[in-house]
Protein backbone atom coordinates (compact mmCIF):
# COMPACT_ATOMS: atom_id res chain seq x y z
CA MET A 1 25.62 38.84 -16.94
CA LEU A 2 26.86 37.63 -13.56
CA LEU A 3 28.58 34.43 -14.68
CA GLU A 4 29.37 32.39 -17.78
CA GLU A 5 31.28 29.12 -17.77
CA ALA A 6 31.36 25.56 -19.08
CA VAL A 7 29.94 22.95 -16.71
CA GLY A 8 30.45 19.47 -18.10
CA ALA A 9 28.49 19.19 -21.34
CA PHE A 10 26.70 22.48 -20.71
CA GLN A 11 27.44 26.13 -21.26
CA VAL A 12 25.92 28.04 -18.35
CA ALA A 13 25.14 31.74 -17.98
CA VAL A 14 23.67 33.52 -14.96
CA LEU A 15 21.83 36.71 -15.90
CA GLN A 16 20.34 39.54 -13.89
CA ASP A 17 18.12 42.47 -14.90
CA THR A 18 14.89 44.19 -13.99
CA GLU A 19 13.35 43.56 -17.44
CA VAL A 20 13.12 40.54 -19.71
CA GLY A 21 14.10 42.37 -22.90
CA PRO A 22 17.87 42.61 -22.32
CA ILE A 23 18.00 38.99 -21.15
CA LYS A 24 16.12 37.82 -24.24
CA THR A 25 18.51 39.76 -26.51
CA TRP A 26 21.60 38.33 -24.81
CA LEU A 27 20.30 34.77 -25.00
CA GLU A 28 19.43 35.00 -28.68
CA ASP A 29 22.75 36.70 -29.52
CA ASN A 30 24.64 33.89 -27.79
CA GLY A 31 22.90 30.92 -29.37
CA TYR A 32 20.36 30.07 -26.66
CA LEU A 33 16.88 29.05 -27.77
CA TRP A 34 14.14 31.49 -26.83
CA ASP A 35 10.51 30.57 -26.27
CA ALA A 36 8.06 33.47 -26.32
CA LYS A 37 5.95 31.66 -23.70
CA ALA A 38 8.79 32.09 -21.23
CA GLU A 39 8.66 35.89 -21.24
CA PRO A 40 5.85 36.50 -18.70
CA ILE A 41 7.13 33.74 -16.44
CA LEU A 42 10.67 35.10 -16.43
CA MET A 43 9.30 38.55 -15.71
CA GLN A 44 7.63 37.15 -12.58
CA TYR A 45 10.93 35.71 -11.40
CA LEU A 46 12.79 38.95 -12.07
CA ALA A 47 10.13 40.97 -10.23
CA GLU A 48 10.66 38.69 -7.22
CA GLY A 49 14.37 39.54 -7.21
CA ASN A 50 15.61 36.28 -8.72
CA VAL A 51 18.44 35.79 -11.18
CA ILE A 52 18.12 33.63 -14.32
CA ALA A 53 20.34 30.60 -14.98
CA ALA A 54 20.43 29.61 -18.67
CA LEU A 55 21.90 26.34 -19.91
CA LYS A 56 22.60 24.97 -23.38
CA LEU A 57 24.56 22.00 -24.65
CA ARG A 58 28.05 22.91 -25.75
CA THR A 59 28.79 22.73 -29.47
CA SER A 60 30.49 19.35 -29.29
CA ALA A 61 27.90 17.76 -26.99
CA THR A 62 24.88 15.64 -27.92
CA VAL A 63 21.74 14.55 -26.09
CA ALA A 64 23.61 11.45 -24.87
CA ASP A 65 25.95 13.77 -22.93
CA VAL A 66 23.19 15.33 -20.82
CA HIS A 67 23.92 15.00 -17.10
CA PRO A 68 22.47 16.37 -13.83
CA ILE A 69 23.21 19.92 -12.73
CA THR A 70 23.44 20.99 -9.09
CA LEU A 71 22.58 24.56 -8.12
CA ARG A 72 23.84 25.95 -4.82
CA TYR A 73 23.06 29.32 -3.32
CA PRO A 74 22.00 30.67 0.09
CA SER A 75 18.29 30.72 0.83
CA ASN A 76 15.77 30.35 3.60
CA GLU A 77 13.37 28.42 1.33
CA THR A 78 13.57 25.01 -0.30
CA CYS A 79 11.89 25.40 -3.66
CA PHE A 80 11.15 23.24 -6.69
CA PRO A 81 11.28 25.65 -9.68
CA LEU A 82 8.19 24.57 -11.58
CA ARG A 83 6.62 27.55 -13.33
CA LEU A 84 8.90 27.49 -16.38
CA THR A 85 8.26 23.76 -16.75
CA ARG A 86 4.72 24.39 -17.98
CA ILE A 87 6.06 25.60 -21.33
CA ALA A 88 7.00 22.05 -22.33
CA ALA A 89 5.07 19.96 -19.79
CA VAL A 90 2.48 17.29 -20.54
CA GLU A 91 -0.80 16.61 -18.77
CA ASP A 92 -0.43 14.90 -15.39
CA MET A 93 3.36 15.00 -15.45
CA ASP A 94 5.06 12.97 -12.73
CA ILE A 95 7.13 14.90 -10.19
CA ARG A 96 9.03 13.36 -7.29
CA VAL A 97 10.79 15.48 -4.70
CA PHE A 98 13.47 14.18 -2.33
CA VAL A 99 14.41 16.29 0.69
CA LEU A 100 17.35 15.48 2.97
CA ALA A 101 17.12 17.25 6.32
CA ASP A 102 17.00 16.77 10.09
CA GLY A 103 13.33 15.77 10.01
CA ARG A 104 10.36 15.16 7.79
CA ALA A 105 9.62 17.71 5.08
CA ALA A 106 6.19 18.88 3.93
CA PRO A 107 4.82 21.30 1.33
CA THR A 108 4.45 24.89 2.49
CA ASN A 109 2.26 26.42 -0.21
CA TYR A 110 0.82 23.20 -1.66
CA ARG A 111 -1.62 20.85 0.03
CA HIS A 112 -0.75 17.47 1.48
CA VAL A 113 -3.04 14.52 0.64
CA LEU A 114 -3.75 11.15 2.23
CA VAL A 115 -4.98 8.73 -0.42
CA ASN A 116 -8.16 6.67 -0.11
CA PRO A 117 -6.77 3.10 0.07
CA LEU A 118 -10.01 1.63 -1.32
CA LYS A 119 -9.13 3.14 -4.71
CA ILE A 120 -5.80 1.30 -5.01
CA ASP A 121 -5.84 -2.01 -6.88
CA TRP A 122 -3.93 -4.02 -4.30
CA LEU A 123 -4.62 -7.31 -6.09
CA ASN A 124 -2.61 -6.12 -9.09
CA ARG A 125 0.22 -4.52 -7.14
CA ALA A 126 -1.20 -1.02 -7.45
CA THR A 127 -0.89 -0.79 -11.23
CA ASN A 128 -3.43 2.06 -11.07
CA TYR A 129 -1.23 4.03 -8.67
CA LYS A 130 -0.70 7.05 -10.91
CA GLU A 131 -4.43 7.28 -11.64
CA VAL A 132 -5.18 7.24 -7.92
CA ILE A 133 -2.61 9.92 -7.12
CA THR A 134 -3.74 12.09 -10.04
CA ASN A 135 -7.34 12.04 -8.88
CA ALA A 136 -6.39 12.50 -5.22
CA VAL A 137 -4.29 15.62 -5.82
CA ASP A 138 -7.05 16.97 -8.09
CA ALA A 139 -9.66 16.48 -5.35
CA PHE A 140 -11.69 19.28 -3.76
CA MET A 141 -9.43 21.74 -1.91
CA ALA A 142 -6.29 20.03 -3.24
CA ASP A 143 -7.04 21.59 -6.64
CA GLY A 144 -4.15 20.00 -8.54
CA ARG A 145 -1.47 21.53 -6.31
CA ALA A 146 -0.76 18.91 -3.69
CA PHE A 147 1.70 16.15 -2.79
CA VAL A 148 1.48 12.74 -1.20
CA THR A 149 4.29 11.44 1.00
CA GLU A 150 5.65 8.11 -0.24
CA PHE A 151 8.40 7.75 2.35
CA ALA A 152 9.64 9.59 5.41
CA GLY A 153 12.32 8.09 7.60
CA LYS A 154 16.01 7.50 8.09
CA SER A 155 18.14 8.38 5.08
CA SER A 156 20.29 5.32 5.78
CA VAL A 157 17.75 3.24 3.81
CA VAL A 158 19.30 4.64 0.64
CA SER A 159 22.03 2.42 -0.73
CA THR A 160 25.00 4.53 -1.82
CA GLY A 161 26.39 1.74 -4.00
CA GLY A 162 25.06 3.28 -7.19
CA ILE A 163 25.89 6.80 -6.08
CA TYR A 164 29.59 6.31 -5.34
CA ASN A 165 32.02 3.42 -5.27
CA PRO A 166 35.65 3.80 -4.07
CA SER A 167 36.76 1.65 -7.00
CA TRP A 168 35.97 4.51 -9.38
CA ASP A 169 39.28 6.11 -10.33
CA GLU A 170 39.79 8.53 -13.20
CA ASN A 171 43.56 8.07 -13.06
CA ASP A 172 43.26 4.57 -14.49
CA PHE A 173 42.19 6.11 -17.82
CA ILE A 174 44.99 8.65 -18.19
CA GLY A 175 47.36 7.40 -20.90
CA LEU A 176 45.25 4.25 -21.33
CA ASP A 177 45.17 2.35 -24.62
CA PRO A 178 41.54 2.87 -25.75
CA VAL A 179 41.25 -0.87 -26.47
CA GLN A 180 41.39 -1.38 -22.67
CA ALA A 181 38.78 1.26 -21.80
CA VAL A 182 35.82 -1.10 -21.38
CA THR A 183 37.93 -3.61 -19.46
CA VAL A 184 38.83 -0.90 -16.94
CA LEU A 185 35.19 0.23 -16.70
CA ASN A 186 34.20 -3.36 -15.96
CA ALA A 187 36.88 -3.63 -13.29
CA GLN A 188 35.64 -0.43 -11.64
CA THR A 189 32.06 -1.80 -11.63
CA LEU A 190 30.97 1.04 -13.93
CA GLY A 191 30.29 -1.42 -16.73
CA ALA A 192 29.26 -5.00 -17.37
CA CYS A 193 30.22 -5.26 -21.02
CA TYR A 194 31.79 -8.48 -22.22
CA ASP A 195 32.59 -10.25 -25.46
CA SER A 196 29.53 -11.95 -27.03
CA PHE A 197 27.20 -10.34 -24.50
CA ASP A 198 25.18 -7.16 -24.41
CA CYS A 199 26.55 -4.18 -22.49
CA ALA A 200 25.14 -2.86 -19.25
CA TRP A 201 26.43 0.41 -17.83
CA ASN A 202 26.10 0.70 -14.08
CA HIS A 203 26.05 4.48 -14.08
CA PRO A 204 23.67 6.45 -16.35
CA LEU A 205 26.38 8.83 -17.57
CA VAL A 206 29.04 6.31 -18.63
CA TYR A 207 27.51 5.44 -21.99
CA GLY A 208 27.20 9.10 -22.99
CA MET A 209 30.85 9.71 -22.13
CA LEU A 210 31.92 6.73 -24.22
CA LEU A 211 29.98 8.06 -27.19
CA GLU A 212 31.70 11.42 -26.68
CA PHE A 213 35.32 10.30 -26.21
CA LEU A 214 35.35 6.80 -27.71
CA PRO A 215 32.63 6.83 -30.39
CA PRO A 216 31.95 3.80 -32.62
CA PRO A 217 33.17 4.11 -36.22
CA ASN A 218 30.53 5.01 -38.78
CA GLY A 219 28.23 2.10 -39.48
CA VAL A 220 29.36 0.03 -36.47
CA ASP A 221 26.79 -0.91 -33.84
CA PRO A 222 27.83 0.43 -30.40
CA VAL A 223 27.35 -2.96 -28.72
CA ASP A 224 29.57 -4.68 -31.31
CA PHE A 225 32.16 -1.94 -30.92
CA TYR A 226 32.36 -1.82 -27.11
CA THR A 227 32.37 -5.61 -26.70
CA ASN A 228 35.14 -6.01 -29.30
CA LEU A 229 37.32 -2.90 -29.11
CA SER A 230 40.44 -4.79 -30.17
CA THR A 231 38.72 -5.82 -33.42
CA TYR A 232 38.19 -2.15 -34.31
CA SER A 233 41.46 -0.79 -32.92
CA ALA A 234 42.52 0.61 -36.30
CA ASP A 235 39.27 2.58 -36.58
CA ILE A 236 39.31 4.22 -33.14
CA ASP A 237 39.34 8.02 -33.21
CA LEU A 238 42.54 8.67 -31.25
CA VAL A 239 42.04 12.43 -31.40
CA LYS A 240 38.77 12.21 -29.49
CA TRP A 241 40.22 9.67 -27.08
CA ASP A 242 43.20 11.98 -26.42
CA MET A 243 45.19 9.42 -24.44
CA GLY A 244 42.22 9.05 -22.11
CA ASN A 245 42.69 12.53 -20.67
CA GLY A 246 39.29 13.87 -21.71
CA PHE A 247 37.45 10.77 -20.55
CA ALA A 248 39.26 10.84 -17.19
CA ALA A 249 38.40 14.52 -16.64
CA ALA A 250 34.76 13.92 -17.53
CA LEU A 251 34.58 10.86 -15.26
CA LEU A 252 35.92 12.90 -12.36
CA GLU A 253 33.66 15.89 -13.00
CA ARG A 254 30.41 14.13 -13.90
CA VAL A 255 30.54 10.85 -11.97
CA ILE A 256 33.11 10.67 -9.18
CA GLU A 257 32.90 14.12 -7.57
CA PRO A 258 29.06 14.25 -7.69
CA GLY A 259 29.00 10.69 -6.33
CA ILE A 260 31.21 11.61 -3.39
CA HIS A 261 29.05 14.66 -2.74
CA GLY A 262 25.85 12.58 -2.91
CA GLU A 263 27.25 10.06 -0.44
CA GLN A 264 28.28 12.88 1.89
CA LEU A 265 24.77 14.36 1.74
CA ILE A 266 23.21 11.07 2.81
CA GLN A 267 25.74 10.64 5.59
CA THR A 268 25.29 14.25 6.76
CA TRP A 269 21.50 14.46 6.79
CA PRO A 270 19.78 11.73 8.83
CA TYR A 271 16.26 12.05 7.42
CA LEU A 272 14.82 11.62 3.94
CA THR A 273 11.35 12.60 2.72
CA ARG A 274 10.10 11.50 -0.66
CA MET A 275 6.98 13.19 -2.05
CA TYR A 276 5.11 12.60 -5.29
CA THR A 277 2.49 14.34 -7.38
CA THR A 278 1.19 14.58 -10.91
CA ILE A 279 0.56 18.03 -12.30
CA SER A 280 -0.59 19.58 -15.58
CA PRO A 281 0.65 22.76 -17.26
CA SER A 282 -2.45 24.76 -16.26
CA GLU A 283 -1.70 23.97 -12.61
CA MET A 284 1.96 25.04 -12.69
CA MET A 285 1.26 28.57 -11.55
CA GLU A 286 3.28 28.46 -8.34
CA ASP A 287 6.61 26.95 -7.38
CA PRO A 288 6.15 24.43 -4.56
CA ILE A 289 8.09 25.34 -1.43
CA PHE A 290 8.93 22.86 1.34
CA HIS A 291 9.76 23.12 5.02
CA VAL A 292 10.74 20.72 7.80
CA ASN A 293 8.32 19.73 10.54
CA ALA A 294 10.30 17.35 12.73
CA GLY A 295 7.19 16.42 14.72
CA LEU A 296 5.53 14.60 11.83
CA ALA A 297 5.36 10.81 11.92
CA ASP A 298 7.45 8.52 9.73
CA VAL A 299 5.91 7.05 6.57
CA GLU A 300 6.88 3.51 5.61
CA ALA A 301 8.18 2.94 2.09
CA LEU A 302 6.47 -0.45 1.86
CA ARG A 303 2.80 -1.00 2.57
CA THR A 304 1.35 -4.50 2.35
CA ALA A 305 -2.22 -5.76 1.89
CA LYS A 306 -3.29 -9.35 2.63
CA ASN A 307 -5.62 -11.27 0.35
CA TYR A 308 -7.86 -13.96 1.88
CA ILE A 309 -9.35 -16.15 -0.87
CA LEU A 310 -12.67 -17.78 0.03
CA CYS A 311 -13.98 -21.14 -1.17
CA ASN A 312 -16.25 -19.47 -3.74
CA ASN A 313 -13.21 -17.64 -5.18
CA ASP A 314 -14.28 -14.31 -3.70
CA SER A 315 -11.55 -12.45 -1.83
CA VAL A 316 -11.27 -10.39 1.31
CA VAL A 317 -8.36 -7.98 1.17
CA THR A 318 -7.03 -6.68 4.44
CA LEU A 319 -5.67 -3.18 3.79
CA PRO A 320 -2.43 -2.00 5.42
CA ASP A 321 -4.47 -0.18 8.10
CA GLY A 322 -6.21 -3.45 9.04
CA ARG A 323 -9.63 -2.87 7.42
CA ASP A 324 -11.23 -5.58 5.27
CA PHE A 325 -12.57 -5.06 1.74
CA TYR A 326 -14.68 -7.68 -0.02
CA ILE A 327 -13.77 -8.50 -3.65
CA PRO A 328 -16.44 -10.50 -5.53
CA GLY A 329 -15.04 -13.21 -7.79
CA GLY A 330 -11.50 -12.46 -6.72
CA GLY A 331 -11.35 -9.39 -8.96
CA PRO A 332 -11.19 -7.10 -10.80
CA TRP A 333 -10.82 -4.44 -8.13
CA PRO A 334 -14.33 -3.04 -7.62
CA ALA A 335 -15.58 0.52 -7.50
CA ILE A 336 -18.14 0.87 -4.71
CA PRO A 337 -21.27 2.62 -6.03
CA GLY A 338 -21.40 6.11 -4.56
CA GLU A 339 -17.87 5.89 -3.14
CA GLU A 340 -16.29 8.74 -5.10
CA TRP A 341 -13.54 10.06 -2.84
CA TRP A 342 -9.98 9.62 -4.11
CA ALA A 343 -8.50 11.59 -1.21
CA GLU A 344 -9.20 10.44 2.32
CA GLU A 345 -7.86 13.70 3.73
CA VAL A 346 -6.60 16.99 2.32
CA GLN A 347 -4.29 18.78 4.73
CA THR A 348 -2.12 21.81 5.27
CA VAL A 349 1.08 21.32 7.23
CA ALA A 350 2.63 24.05 9.35
CA ILE A 351 6.23 24.30 10.54
CA LYS A 352 5.20 22.87 13.91
CA GLY A 353 2.36 20.71 15.12
CA ALA A 354 0.15 18.08 13.55
CA PRO A 355 -1.27 18.50 10.03
CA MET A 356 -4.44 20.58 9.86
CA THR A 357 -7.24 18.76 8.05
CA ILE A 358 -9.29 20.93 5.70
CA VAL A 359 -11.19 18.08 4.01
CA ASN A 360 -11.90 14.78 5.78
CA ASN A 361 -13.69 12.04 3.85
CA SER A 362 -12.78 9.27 6.30
CA VAL A 363 -16.26 8.75 7.77
CA ALA A 364 -17.97 8.74 4.36
CA ILE A 365 -15.42 6.28 2.94
CA GLU A 366 -15.72 3.99 5.96
CA THR A 367 -19.51 4.05 5.79
CA LYS A 368 -19.47 2.94 2.15
CA ARG A 369 -16.89 0.23 2.86
CA VAL A 370 -18.97 -1.28 5.65
CA GLU A 371 -22.15 -1.11 3.57
CA TRP A 372 -20.38 -2.80 0.64
CA ASN A 373 -19.02 -5.60 2.82
CA LEU A 374 -22.38 -6.23 4.50
CA ALA A 375 -24.13 -6.28 1.13
CA HIS A 376 -21.83 -9.18 0.17
CA GLY A 377 -22.34 -11.01 3.46
CA TRP A 378 -19.08 -10.01 5.06
CA PRO A 379 -18.21 -10.51 7.78
CA HIS A 380 -19.90 -13.91 7.80
CA THR A 381 -21.79 -15.00 10.88
CA PRO A 382 -21.01 -18.34 12.58
CA GLY A 383 -22.75 -21.27 10.96
CA GLU A 384 -22.53 -19.99 7.38
CA THR A 385 -20.65 -22.08 4.85
CA GLU A 386 -17.87 -19.52 4.35
CA SER A 387 -17.24 -18.41 7.90
CA VAL A 388 -14.03 -16.78 8.97
CA PRO A 389 -11.48 -19.48 9.80
CA THR A 390 -10.43 -19.76 13.40
CA GLU A 391 -6.82 -19.68 14.50
CA GLY A 392 -4.99 -22.33 12.51
CA GLY A 393 -7.86 -22.85 10.08
CA GLY A 394 -7.44 -22.27 6.38
CA THR A 395 -4.31 -22.18 4.31
CA ASN A 396 -1.91 -19.30 4.68
CA SER A 397 0.53 -18.40 1.93
CA ASP A 398 2.79 -15.38 1.99
CA THR A 399 3.46 -14.40 -1.61
CA GLY A 400 6.18 -11.95 -2.51
CA SER A 401 8.81 -11.30 -5.12
CA SER A 402 10.90 -14.17 -3.74
CA GLY A 403 8.18 -16.81 -3.98
CA SER A 404 5.57 -18.26 -1.61
CA GLU A 405 5.31 -20.44 1.45
CA SER A 406 2.26 -22.41 2.60
CA SER A 407 1.38 -23.94 5.93
CA GLY A 408 -1.61 -25.10 7.96
CA GLN A 409 -4.63 -27.30 7.26
CA GLU A 410 -8.28 -26.63 6.58
CA GLY A 411 -10.23 -26.13 9.81
CA GLU A 412 -13.78 -26.93 10.68
CA GLY A 413 -14.86 -23.33 10.36
CA GLY A 414 -14.48 -23.18 6.57
CA CYS A 415 -11.74 -22.89 3.99
CA GLY A 416 -9.67 -20.28 2.22
CA CYS A 417 -6.14 -19.13 1.64
CA ARG A 418 -4.33 -15.93 2.37
CA SER A 419 -1.57 -14.17 0.50
CA ASP A 420 0.34 -10.96 1.05
CA GLY A 421 0.06 -8.60 -1.90
CA THR A 422 2.47 -5.71 -2.03
CA GLY A 423 1.27 -2.61 -3.81
CA GLY A 424 3.95 -2.14 -6.43
CA ALA A 425 3.87 1.65 -6.56
CA LEU A 426 3.47 2.02 -2.79
CA GLY A 427 6.39 -0.29 -2.24
CA LEU A 428 8.80 1.56 -4.48
CA GLY A 429 12.40 1.36 -3.33
CA LEU A 430 14.49 4.47 -2.92
CA ALA A 431 17.14 5.07 -5.54
CA GLY A 432 19.22 8.18 -5.93
CA LEU A 433 18.58 11.73 -4.93
CA GLY A 434 16.45 14.43 -6.49
CA LEU A 435 17.59 17.93 -7.35
CA MET A 436 16.10 20.65 -5.18
CA GLY A 437 16.18 24.26 -6.24
CA LEU A 438 16.54 26.98 -3.65
CA ARG A 439 14.82 30.29 -4.08
CA ARG A 440 16.84 33.39 -3.51
CA ARG A 441 14.93 36.41 -2.29
CA ARG A 442 15.99 39.98 -1.89
CA ARG A 443 15.50 41.38 1.54
């Protein structure tokens, strides 16, 4: 054993050996759960010269106390430790990876995929996004071990408001009457919990810490308790509250210090890459490794399609890359017969230079798109009833989460209206940071 200590709600041990047997014995003797499926996977890690970090909840902790863990150690590889995950993983499990660096990150030993935009249901804000990504990363030569890039650009787009706020102060809880605990949390913007209203906790770990150090009396609903602490003052467990000392220490260790560190990371590293995949247990045979290729282009977080509604209620959706796609009857989103490619490109990305394309379906996809449009009479030729409106013709409406605006009149060339439809999954905002594991290799 190299290390054993308490880290927040966890008991952590770092173990090293050349065989799994002694590690298994130590874990079982010290109250850690052992899964027989882990044995061959752990043996692979040990053979590669890695150490094993084992975590378990401390005796007094519950599931509500679970909090993030940060691992730091020197390495020349940025790795997402995935192989052990397959023991308890589900089919097509979502994985998002965030990398802060000097430039854009890309997978080293996994493929990189560009999605076929014709498969995304832009009319319904990309509600089929996961299905599209799942099929794209399972495509030929991606083989279930690939990522798409959802965002690549300046890390300053990340708001640090939910990561750290200077108003957070553990000292306000030391010696505090427990009846005032929620009032102080509200004042520090960590809570929004008021009399006669439901409680909202503005940090995911606050509620768990309240349950640990200021638990509701038996039979009392937590919302009733935390919105009316003075009513239950005689029933508060003063031993667990401990004059606020335990809560203050936990707030500092689990919320404030990690928040400060997270803010510093964003301020230190100018570039953020966010990648996404879905992966099944049978595909988790290799830990994805990532590297930085500063020459790669940025990827916008928000991609917008425009919907032009014709007089016959058909639609023409202009994809983010400017191509039109005809939608009969205004929906549902059609599947073009014979257009079977979920991935537009499958790539490998080196440390330098442009991505190297190993599968390119662009021409085949474009051919099917043009054939589909022509089969539905699009683009229309001049003189037809539903011709493309000229400049100023038609009704334009930009529709977004904040509402819509309309302007213009019907022109002589025909009629229609246009709206901007934002793909919900492709327009995901950035919130928080992901945990990256670093692989340690013996030299």
